[in-house]
């Protein structure tokens, strides 16, 4: 009789982003305070917090463009900023990064050529360009000058640029700010399709708390610190609240009370 030997367990996949003691200083001011967090692969992680709390600084650190970063910050198995990450990360800043004197398609063709140089890649680049334009619902505006588009449409061109080449990690800094409710809904549907259908990891920042409910996992920030790193359901249960916004406010109150207690004991 043969003894059944179970297959060895598969090792847990490494997270898309892992930070330990991540600190950023700007002159005498500490912007990020020894952050510790993870961003799981294939999910949407929301980075939520008020304006000025350090969300953009954290995102620049992840994509490797932030100066004065200390601690450990691994991205897709490499230190943040590693040259091997260049084509694996898509990044959208708050300000649209497009050329106003080029059409939507020309903008994407330009950036696609930078990401994937070489004449033999022309057909592949065109496929990526066409798909990215369709993903952000700008096919009917593909030949319009970017400078003639609305602010929301220009933001979508920037998102399309970030989608070129099907990046493994998308870092989106407040991508829905200023957009109408219908477009916000459509973009969040796209984000979920990218995660579920294409296996992409998304790190999406926002100061709009209702968008937290659309995320698989949340990082709640305040004044350069992570107040919580958990799922929306777990945060509501942990704080005994009905919404993520109420949970966030509860955690803020706890942090303020803890800070006052420390001051009183000095």
Protein backbone atom coordinates (compact mmCIF):
# COMPACT_ATOMS: atom_id res chain seq x y z
CA UNK A 1 0.00 0.00 0.00
CA UNK A 2 1.39 3.34 -1.04
CA UNK A 3 1.32 6.22 1.38
CA UNK A 4 -0.26 9.37 -0.03
CA UNK A 5 2.12 12.29 0.13
CA UNK A 6 0.46 15.66 -0.30
CA UNK A 7 2.03 18.12 -2.66
CA UNK A 8 4.20 20.65 -0.88
CA UNK A 9 2.41 23.97 -0.39
CA UNK A 10 3.09 26.58 -3.01
CA UNK A 11 5.02 29.52 -1.63
CA UNK A 12 2.92 32.64 -1.22
CA UNK A 13 3.53 35.08 -4.07
CA UNK A 14 5.70 38.01 -3.18
CA UNK A 15 3.71 41.23 -2.90
CA UNK A 16 3.84 43.77 -5.68
CA UNK A 17 5.12 46.36 -3.20
CA UNK A 18 6.62 45.83 0.24
CA UNK A 19 7.86 48.62 2.50
CA UNK A 20 9.68 48.50 5.84
CA UNK A 21 10.61 51.67 7.73
CA UNK A 22 10.04 53.73 4.58
CA UNK A 23 10.97 57.31 5.43
CA UNK A 24 11.15 60.42 3.25
CA UNK A 25 12.62 63.70 4.43
CA UNK A 26 12.38 67.05 2.70
CA UNK A 27 14.86 69.38 4.30
CA UNK A 28 14.21 69.40 8.06
CA UNK A 29 10.69 68.01 7.59
CA UNK A 30 9.84 64.30 7.64
CA UNK A 31 7.12 63.67 5.04
CA UNK A 32 6.74 59.89 5.48
CA UNK A 33 7.34 58.34 8.88
CA UNK A 34 8.77 54.79 8.89
CA UNK A 35 5.92 53.31 6.82
CA UNK A 36 5.37 49.57 6.77
CA UNK A 37 2.87 48.13 4.29
CA UNK A 38 2.31 45.68 1.45
CA UNK A 39 0.43 45.88 -1.84
CA UNK A 40 -0.81 42.41 -2.92
CA UNK A 41 -0.52 41.33 -6.54
CA UNK A 42 -3.55 41.27 -8.80
CA UNK A 43 -5.66 43.52 -6.59
CA UNK A 44 -6.70 47.16 -6.32
CA UNK A 45 -5.16 48.80 -3.28
CA UNK A 46 -6.58 52.20 -2.43
CA UNK A 47 -4.33 54.83 -0.88
CA UNK A 48 -6.80 57.04 0.98
CA UNK A 49 -6.26 60.18 2.96
CA UNK A 50 -6.72 63.97 2.95
CA UNK A 51 -4.79 66.21 0.59
CA UNK A 52 -1.26 66.85 1.85
CA UNK A 53 -0.97 63.65 3.90
CA UNK A 54 1.88 62.23 1.78
CA UNK A 55 0.07 60.10 -0.82
CA UNK A 56 1.88 61.58 -3.83
CA UNK A 57 5.25 61.32 -2.07
CA UNK A 58 4.61 57.66 -1.35
CA UNK A 59 3.66 57.02 -4.98
CA UNK A 60 6.75 58.79 -6.29
CA UNK A 61 8.79 56.61 -3.94
CA UNK A 62 7.20 53.45 -5.38
CA UNK A 63 7.96 54.44 -8.98
CA UNK A 64 11.49 55.51 -8.07
CA UNK A 65 11.32 59.26 -8.71
CA UNK A 66 11.38 60.52 -5.11
CA UNK A 67 14.59 61.78 -3.53
CA UNK A 68 15.75 61.31 0.08
CA UNK A 69 14.11 57.89 0.56
CA UNK A 70 15.41 55.58 3.29
CA UNK A 71 14.31 52.20 4.56
CA UNK A 72 13.30 49.21 2.45
CA UNK A 73 11.01 49.55 -0.56
CA UNK A 74 10.77 46.55 -2.90
CA UNK A 75 8.67 46.74 -6.07
CA UNK A 76 7.98 43.64 -8.18
CA UNK A 77 10.94 41.90 -6.60
CA UNK A 78 13.42 44.77 -7.10
CA UNK A 79 14.41 47.86 -5.13
CA UNK A 80 12.26 50.83 -6.15
CA UNK A 81 13.83 52.68 -9.07
CA UNK A 82 15.62 49.61 -10.44
CA UNK A 83 16.19 49.91 -14.24
CA UNK A 84 14.46 46.55 -14.76
CA UNK A 85 11.18 48.07 -13.58
CA UNK A 86 10.99 50.68 -16.32
CA UNK A 87 8.60 48.79 -18.61
CA UNK A 88 6.75 46.98 -15.81
CA UNK A 89 5.18 50.00 -14.13
CA UNK A 90 2.62 52.49 -15.45
CA UNK A 91 2.41 55.81 -13.61
CA UNK A 92 -0.23 58.52 -13.87
CA UNK A 93 0.42 61.80 -12.07
CA UNK A 94 -2.28 64.26 -11.00
CA UNK A 95 -1.39 66.63 -13.86
CA UNK A 96 -1.99 65.14 -17.36
CA UNK A 97 1.36 64.44 -19.05
CA UNK A 98 0.52 64.82 -22.73
CA UNK A 99 1.61 67.01 -25.65
CA UNK A 100 -1.14 69.44 -26.59
CA UNK A 101 0.05 69.84 -30.19
CA UNK A 102 -0.21 66.09 -30.90
CA UNK A 103 -3.35 64.06 -31.40
CA UNK A 104 -4.40 61.40 -28.93
CA UNK A 105 -3.02 58.67 -31.18
CA UNK A 106 0.22 60.55 -31.87
CA UNK A 107 0.79 61.01 -28.14
CA UNK A 108 0.42 57.28 -27.56
CA UNK A 109 2.56 56.38 -30.58
CA UNK A 110 5.33 58.63 -29.26
CA UNK A 111 5.34 57.10 -25.79
CA UNK A 112 4.96 53.57 -27.21
CA UNK A 113 8.08 54.08 -29.32
CA UNK A 114 10.02 55.09 -26.19
CA UNK A 115 8.79 52.05 -24.26
CA UNK A 116 9.32 49.59 -27.13
CA UNK A 117 11.91 50.94 -29.58
CA UNK A 118 12.83 49.23 -32.85
CA UNK A 119 11.26 49.13 -36.29
CA UNK A 120 10.35 45.45 -35.98
CA UNK A 121 7.97 46.34 -33.15
CA UNK A 122 5.81 48.76 -35.19
CA UNK A 123 2.84 46.42 -35.60
CA UNK A 124 2.89 45.41 -31.94
CA UNK A 125 3.07 49.06 -30.88
CA UNK A 126 0.04 49.92 -33.00
CA UNK A 127 -1.94 47.13 -31.36
CA UNK A 128 -1.02 48.45 -27.92
CA UNK A 129 -1.91 52.02 -28.91
CA UNK A 130 -5.30 51.05 -30.32
CA UNK A 131 -6.14 48.93 -27.31
CA UNK A 132 -5.13 51.62 -24.80
CA UNK A 133 -7.25 54.25 -26.57
CA UNK A 134 -10.24 51.90 -26.53
CA UNK A 135 -9.66 51.04 -22.84
CA UNK A 136 -10.18 54.68 -21.85
CA UNK A 137 -13.09 55.18 -24.28
CA UNK A 138 -11.35 57.72 -26.52
CA UNK A 139 -11.59 55.90 -29.86
CA UNK A 140 -13.88 58.59 -31.27
CA UNK A 141 -11.32 61.24 -30.24
CA UNK A 142 -8.20 59.41 -31.42
CA UNK A 143 -7.42 62.03 -34.10
CA UNK A 144 -8.26 65.07 -31.97
CA UNK A 145 -5.49 67.33 -30.72
CA UNK A 146 -4.88 66.78 -27.02
CA UNK A 147 -4.96 70.53 -26.49
CA UNK A 148 -8.58 70.63 -27.70
CA UNK A 149 -9.79 68.00 -25.24
CA UNK A 150 -11.52 68.61 -21.93
CA UNK A 151 -9.57 68.20 -18.71
CA UNK A 152 -11.16 64.82 -18.05
CA UNK A 153 -10.34 63.61 -21.55
CA UNK A 154 -6.71 64.71 -21.22
CA UNK A 155 -6.51 62.80 -17.95
CA UNK A 156 -7.75 59.73 -19.80
CA UNK A 157 -5.00 60.18 -22.42
CA UNK A 158 -2.45 60.06 -19.58
CA UNK A 159 -4.08 56.88 -18.30
CA UNK A 160 -3.93 55.37 -21.79
CA UNK A 161 -0.20 56.13 -21.91
CA UNK A 162 0.24 54.30 -18.60
CA UNK A 163 -1.60 51.27 -20.01
CA UNK A 164 0.78 50.86 -22.94
CA UNK A 165 2.57 47.53 -22.88
CA UNK A 166 0.22 46.02 -20.27
CA UNK A 167 2.26 46.99 -17.15
CA UNK A 168 2.21 44.66 -14.16
CA UNK A 169 1.81 47.54 -11.70
CA UNK A 170 -0.26 50.69 -12.26
CA UNK A 171 0.34 53.59 -9.90
CA UNK A 172 -2.49 56.10 -10.32
CA UNK A 173 -2.36 59.38 -8.40
CA UNK A 174 -5.96 60.60 -7.95
CA UNK A 175 -7.00 59.55 -11.50
CA UNK A 176 -10.70 60.40 -11.03
CA UNK A 177 -10.41 63.91 -9.59
CA UNK A 178 -12.66 66.33 -11.48
CA UNK A 179 -14.40 63.64 -13.51
CA UNK A 180 -18.16 63.31 -13.75
CA UNK A 181 -19.88 60.40 -11.91
CA UNK A 182 -20.46 58.36 -15.07
CA UNK A 183 -16.83 58.55 -16.15
CA UNK A 184 -15.66 57.77 -12.61
CA UNK A 185 -17.85 54.67 -12.63
CA UNK A 186 -16.52 53.59 -16.05
CA UNK A 187 -12.90 54.05 -14.97
CA UNK A 188 -13.43 51.97 -11.85
CA UNK A 189 -14.96 49.25 -14.02
CA UNK A 190 -11.80 49.39 -16.13
CA UNK A 191 -9.61 49.18 -13.01
CA UNK A 192 -11.42 46.02 -11.90
CA UNK A 193 -11.11 44.53 -15.38
CA UNK A 194 -7.37 45.21 -15.36
CA UNK A 195 -7.00 43.45 -12.00
CA UNK A 196 -9.38 40.53 -12.52
CA UNK A 197 -9.04 40.03 -16.26
CA UNK A 198 -5.40 40.91 -16.90
CA UNK A 199 -3.82 40.22 -13.51
CA UNK A 200 -2.54 43.76 -13.05
CA UNK A 201 -1.87 45.30 -9.66
CA UNK A 202 -3.24 48.78 -9.07
CA UNK A 203 -2.26 51.32 -6.42
CA UNK A 204 -4.85 54.10 -6.65
CA UNK A 205 -4.80 57.22 -4.49
CA UNK A 206 -7.83 59.33 -3.66
CA UNK A 207 -9.16 61.71 -1.03
CA UNK A 208 -12.75 60.71 -1.90
CA UNK A 209 -13.74 58.18 0.72
CA UNK A 210 -16.57 56.56 -1.25
CA UNK A 211 -13.96 55.26 -3.70
CA UNK A 212 -12.52 53.20 -0.85
CA UNK A 213 -15.49 50.85 -1.14
CA UNK A 214 -14.36 49.96 -4.67
CA UNK A 215 -10.94 48.67 -3.53
CA UNK A 216 -9.86 45.18 -2.47
CA UNK A 217 -7.50 46.58 0.14
CA UNK A 218 -6.86 49.96 1.71
CA UNK A 219 -3.98 51.97 3.04
CA UNK A 220 -5.38 54.81 5.16
CA UNK A 221 -2.95 57.71 5.60
CA UNK A 222 -2.80 60.77 7.80
CA UNK A 223 0.09 63.21 8.27
CA UNK A 224 2.66 60.93 6.68
CA UNK A 225 1.69 57.82 8.62
CA UNK A 226 -0.27 54.67 7.80
CA UNK A 227 -3.27 54.40 10.11
CA UNK A 228 -4.46 51.08 8.69
CA UNK A 229 -3.55 48.45 6.09
CA UNK A 230 -6.53 46.13 5.67
CA UNK A 231 -9.63 45.25 3.64
CA UNK A 232 -12.70 47.52 3.74
CA UNK A 233 -14.74 44.84 5.50
CA UNK A 234 -12.06 44.26 8.13
CA UNK A 235 -11.74 47.99 8.79
CA UNK A 236 -15.49 48.40 9.30
CA UNK A 237 -15.57 45.38 11.62
CA UNK A 238 -12.51 46.50 13.56
CA UNK A 239 -13.93 49.97 14.21
CA UNK A 240 -17.59 48.97 14.56
CA UNK A 241 -18.64 51.39 11.80
CA UNK A 242 -20.82 51.14 8.69
CA UNK A 243 -18.59 52.90 6.15
CA UNK A 244 -14.90 53.23 5.41
CA UNK A 245 -15.18 56.99 5.93
CA UNK A 246 -16.54 56.44 9.44
CA UNK A 247 -13.78 53.89 10.07
CA UNK A 248 -11.16 56.39 8.92
CA UNK A 249 -12.52 59.12 11.20
CA UNK A 250 -12.58 56.64 14.09
CA UNK A 251 -8.91 55.80 13.50
CA UNK A 252 -8.01 59.48 13.24
CA UNK A 253 -9.69 60.15 16.59
CA UNK A 254 -7.77 57.23 18.12
CA UNK A 255 -4.48 58.57 16.74
CA UNK A 256 -5.17 62.08 18.08
CA UNK A 257 -6.07 60.70 21.50
CA UNK A 258 -2.94 58.53 21.57
CA UNK A 259 -0.84 61.54 20.59
CA UNK A 260 -2.27 63.63 23.38
CA UNK A 261 -1.62 60.85 25.89
CA UNK A 262 2.03 60.70 24.85
CA UNK A 263 2.37 64.47 25.20
CA UNK A 264 0.84 64.43 28.67
CA UNK A 265 3.31 61.83 29.92
CA UNK A 266 6.39 63.78 28.85
